[in-house]
């Protein structure tokens, strides 16, 4: 969950949104692993694991979508 929150903070700034391309997938993987441990009964904190997973997904998808949008706008010449 902590990595997801850190990625969310980075996403809030234009310059550090690039960092989300690294921290977002890390949060995604850590959240998924934590959820599996909770489901197997090896850990507690289902809501925290889900929060980490969701924040990891969000902070991975949004920067990639923005990057693709910028590339498309740059290629088509609409980035004036």
N, C-alpha and C. Protein backbone atom coordinates (compact mmCIF):
# COMPACT_ATOMS: atom_id res chain seq x y z
N UNK A 1 0.82 -1.18 0.00
CA UNK A 1 0.00 0.00 0.00
C UNK A 1 0.87 1.25 0.00
N UNK A 2 1.98 1.21 0.71
CA UNK A 2 2.85 2.38 0.79
C UNK A 2 3.40 2.75 -0.57
N UNK A 3 3.82 1.77 -1.36
CA UNK A 3 4.36 2.05 -2.68
C UNK A 3 3.27 2.64 -3.58
N UNK A 4 2.04 2.20 -3.42
CA UNK A 4 0.94 2.76 -4.19
C UNK A 4 0.69 4.22 -3.85
N UNK A 5 0.78 4.56 -2.57
CA UNK A 5 0.59 5.94 -2.14
C UNK A 5 1.72 6.81 -2.67
N UNK A 6 2.94 6.32 -2.60
CA UNK A 6 4.09 7.07 -3.12
C UNK A 6 3.92 7.30 -4.62
N UNK A 7 3.47 6.30 -5.35
CA UNK A 7 3.24 6.46 -6.78
C UNK A 7 2.16 7.47 -7.05
N UNK A 8 1.12 7.48 -6.23
CA UNK A 8 0.04 8.45 -6.38
C UNK A 8 0.52 9.88 -6.18
N UNK A 9 1.40 10.08 -5.22
CA UNK A 9 1.97 11.41 -4.99
C UNK A 9 2.82 11.82 -6.18
N UNK A 10 3.62 10.90 -6.71
CA UNK A 10 4.44 11.22 -7.87
C UNK A 10 3.57 11.56 -9.08
N UNK A 11 2.44 10.89 -9.21
CA UNK A 11 1.55 11.13 -10.33
C UNK A 11 1.00 12.55 -10.30
N UNK A 12 0.90 13.13 -9.11
CA UNK A 12 0.36 14.48 -8.96
C UNK A 12 1.27 15.57 -9.51
N UNK A 13 2.50 15.27 -9.81
CA UNK A 13 3.41 16.26 -10.38
C UNK A 13 3.80 15.85 -11.79
N UNK A 14 3.95 16.81 -12.64
CA UNK A 14 4.24 16.52 -14.04
C UNK A 14 5.61 15.88 -14.20
N UNK A 15 6.60 16.41 -13.52
CA UNK A 15 7.97 15.92 -13.67
C UNK A 15 8.11 14.52 -13.10
N UNK A 16 7.53 14.27 -11.93
CA UNK A 16 7.70 12.98 -11.27
C UNK A 16 6.73 11.92 -11.79
N UNK A 17 5.83 12.29 -12.71
CA UNK A 17 4.94 11.28 -13.28
C UNK A 17 5.74 10.21 -14.01
N UNK A 18 6.92 10.57 -14.49
CA UNK A 18 7.79 9.60 -15.15
C UNK A 18 8.23 8.52 -14.15
N UNK A 19 8.41 8.90 -12.89
CA UNK A 19 8.80 7.95 -11.86
C UNK A 19 7.71 6.89 -11.68
N UNK A 20 6.47 7.27 -11.93
CA UNK A 20 5.34 6.32 -11.81
C UNK A 20 5.48 5.16 -12.78
N UNK A 21 6.18 5.37 -13.86
CA UNK A 21 6.39 4.28 -14.81
C UNK A 21 7.19 3.15 -14.17
N UNK A 22 7.92 3.46 -13.10
CA UNK A 22 8.68 2.44 -12.37
C UNK A 22 7.96 2.03 -11.09
N UNK A 23 7.53 3.01 -10.30
CA UNK A 23 6.94 2.71 -9.00
C UNK A 23 5.54 2.12 -9.11
N UNK A 24 4.79 2.49 -10.15
CA UNK A 24 3.45 1.95 -10.33
C UNK A 24 3.42 0.44 -10.48
N UNK A 25 4.20 -0.12 -11.42
CA UNK A 25 4.23 -1.58 -11.55
C UNK A 25 4.74 -2.29 -10.30
N UNK A 26 5.68 -1.66 -9.57
CA UNK A 26 6.17 -2.27 -8.34
C UNK A 26 5.03 -2.37 -7.33
N UNK A 27 4.25 -1.29 -7.20
CA UNK A 27 3.11 -1.31 -6.28
C UNK A 27 2.08 -2.33 -6.72
N UNK A 28 1.88 -2.44 -8.03
CA UNK A 28 0.92 -3.40 -8.59
C UNK A 28 1.30 -4.83 -8.19
N UNK A 29 2.57 -5.16 -8.39
CA UNK A 29 3.06 -6.51 -8.07
C UNK A 29 3.01 -6.76 -6.56
N UNK A 30 3.45 -5.79 -5.78
CA UNK A 30 3.44 -5.97 -4.33
C UNK A 30 2.01 -6.12 -3.80
N UNK A 31 1.07 -5.36 -4.35
CA UNK A 31 -0.33 -5.47 -3.94
C UNK A 31 -0.91 -6.82 -4.31
N UNK A 32 -0.58 -7.32 -5.50
CA UNK A 32 -1.08 -8.63 -5.92
C UNK A 32 -0.51 -9.74 -5.04
N UNK A 33 0.76 -9.65 -4.71
CA UNK A 33 1.37 -10.65 -3.82
C UNK A 33 0.74 -10.61 -2.43
N UNK A 34 0.49 -9.42 -1.93
CA UNK A 34 -0.12 -9.28 -0.61
C UNK A 34 -1.53 -9.85 -0.61
N UNK A 35 -2.29 -9.61 -1.68
CA UNK A 35 -3.65 -10.17 -1.76
C UNK A 35 -3.62 -11.70 -1.76
N UNK A 36 -2.66 -12.27 -2.48
CA UNK A 36 -2.56 -13.74 -2.49
C UNK A 36 -2.23 -14.27 -1.10
N UNK A 37 -1.34 -13.58 -0.38
CA UNK A 37 -1.01 -14.02 0.97
C UNK A 37 -2.22 -13.93 1.90
N UNK A 38 -3.01 -12.89 1.74
CA UNK A 38 -4.21 -12.73 2.56
C UNK A 38 -5.20 -13.85 2.23
N UNK A 39 -5.36 -14.15 0.96
CA UNK A 39 -6.31 -15.20 0.56
C UNK A 39 -5.87 -16.58 1.07
N UNK A 40 -4.57 -16.81 1.16
CA UNK A 40 -4.07 -18.09 1.67
C UNK A 40 -4.06 -18.13 3.19
N UNK A 41 -4.33 -17.00 3.85
CA UNK A 41 -4.34 -16.94 5.30
C UNK A 41 -2.98 -16.71 5.92
N UNK A 42 -1.99 -16.34 5.10
CA UNK A 42 -0.64 -16.11 5.60
C UNK A 42 -0.45 -14.69 6.13
N UNK A 43 -1.40 -13.80 5.83
CA UNK A 43 -1.28 -12.41 6.25
C UNK A 43 -2.67 -11.84 6.50
N UNK A 44 -2.69 -10.67 7.13
CA UNK A 44 -3.93 -9.94 7.38
C UNK A 44 -3.86 -8.63 6.63
N UNK A 45 -4.97 -7.94 6.49
CA UNK A 45 -4.98 -6.63 5.85
C UNK A 45 -5.45 -6.68 4.42
N UNK A 46 -6.60 -7.29 4.21
CA UNK A 46 -7.14 -7.42 2.86
C UNK A 46 -7.37 -6.06 2.20
N UNK A 47 -7.90 -5.12 2.97
CA UNK A 47 -8.19 -3.81 2.38
C UNK A 47 -6.91 -3.06 2.02
N UNK A 48 -5.87 -3.21 2.82
CA UNK A 48 -4.60 -2.57 2.50
C UNK A 48 -3.97 -3.18 1.25
N UNK A 49 -4.07 -4.48 1.12
CA UNK A 49 -3.53 -5.14 -0.07
C UNK A 49 -4.29 -4.71 -1.31
N UNK A 50 -5.60 -4.62 -1.19
CA UNK A 50 -6.42 -4.19 -2.33
C UNK A 50 -6.12 -2.74 -2.69
N UNK A 51 -5.94 -1.89 -1.69
CA UNK A 51 -5.59 -0.49 -1.93
C UNK A 51 -4.27 -0.38 -2.66
N UNK A 52 -3.27 -1.13 -2.24
CA UNK A 52 -1.97 -1.12 -2.91
C UNK A 52 -2.09 -1.58 -4.35
N UNK A 53 -2.88 -2.62 -4.57
CA UNK A 53 -3.08 -3.13 -5.93
C UNK A 53 -3.77 -2.10 -6.81
N UNK A 54 -4.85 -1.51 -6.32
CA UNK A 54 -5.60 -0.52 -7.11
C UNK A 54 -4.74 0.70 -7.41
N UNK A 55 -4.03 1.21 -6.40
CA UNK A 55 -3.17 2.37 -6.63
C UNK A 55 -2.04 2.03 -7.60
N UNK A 56 -1.53 0.82 -7.52
CA UNK A 56 -0.50 0.40 -8.47
C UNK A 56 -1.01 0.37 -9.89
N UNK A 57 -2.22 -0.14 -10.08
CA UNK A 57 -2.82 -0.19 -11.42
C UNK A 57 -3.05 1.23 -11.94
N UNK A 58 -3.65 2.07 -11.10
CA UNK A 58 -3.96 3.45 -11.52
C UNK A 58 -2.69 4.22 -11.85
N UNK A 59 -1.67 4.10 -10.99
CA UNK A 59 -0.45 4.86 -11.22
C UNK A 59 0.45 4.22 -12.28
N UNK A 60 0.04 3.11 -12.83
CA UNK A 60 0.73 2.54 -13.98
C UNK A 60 0.01 2.94 -15.26
N UNK A 61 -1.29 2.85 -15.26
CA UNK A 61 -2.08 3.09 -16.47
C UNK A 61 -2.08 4.56 -16.86
N UNK A 62 -2.28 5.46 -15.91
CA UNK A 62 -2.38 6.89 -16.24
C UNK A 62 -1.10 7.44 -16.87
N UNK A 63 0.09 7.21 -16.30
CA UNK A 63 1.29 7.75 -16.96
C UNK A 63 1.51 7.17 -18.36
N UNK A 64 1.23 5.86 -18.55
CA UNK A 64 1.39 5.29 -19.88
C UNK A 64 0.39 5.91 -20.86
N UNK A 65 -0.83 6.14 -20.42
CA UNK A 65 -1.83 6.77 -21.28
C UNK A 65 -1.40 8.19 -21.65
N UNK A 66 -0.88 8.94 -20.68
CA UNK A 66 -0.40 10.30 -20.96
C UNK A 66 0.80 10.28 -21.90
N UNK A 67 1.70 9.33 -21.70
CA UNK A 67 2.87 9.22 -22.57
C UNK A 67 2.45 8.91 -24.01
N UNK A 68 1.52 7.97 -24.17
CA UNK A 68 1.03 7.62 -25.51
C UNK A 68 0.33 8.82 -26.13
N UNK A 69 -0.47 9.55 -25.34
CA UNK A 69 -1.15 10.74 -25.86
C UNK A 69 -0.15 11.79 -26.33
N UNK A 70 0.90 12.01 -25.55
CA UNK A 70 1.92 12.98 -25.95
C UNK A 70 2.65 12.56 -27.23
N UNK A 71 2.94 11.28 -27.35
CA UNK A 71 3.61 10.79 -28.56
C UNK A 71 2.70 10.96 -29.76
N UNK A 72 1.44 10.59 -29.63
CA UNK A 72 0.51 10.73 -30.75
C UNK A 72 0.35 12.20 -31.13
N UNK A 73 0.19 13.07 -30.14
CA UNK A 73 0.06 14.49 -30.45
C UNK A 73 1.35 15.03 -31.08
N UNK A 74 2.49 14.57 -30.62
CA UNK A 74 3.74 15.02 -31.21
C UNK A 74 3.93 14.55 -32.63
N UNK A 75 3.55 13.31 -32.92
CA UNK A 75 3.70 12.75 -34.27
C UNK A 75 2.75 13.45 -35.24
N UNK A 76 1.55 13.73 -34.80
CA UNK A 76 0.56 14.36 -35.70
C UNK A 76 0.76 15.86 -35.81
N UNK A 77 1.64 16.44 -35.02
CA UNK A 77 1.92 17.86 -35.11
C UNK A 77 0.94 18.71 -34.35
N UNK A 78 0.14 18.15 -33.49
CA UNK A 78 -0.85 18.91 -32.73
C UNK A 78 -0.37 19.32 -31.35
N UNK A 79 0.91 19.25 -31.12
CA UNK A 79 1.46 19.56 -29.81
C UNK A 79 2.08 20.96 -29.83
N UNK A 80 1.28 21.92 -30.21
CA UNK A 80 1.78 23.30 -30.31
C UNK A 80 1.61 24.04 -29.04
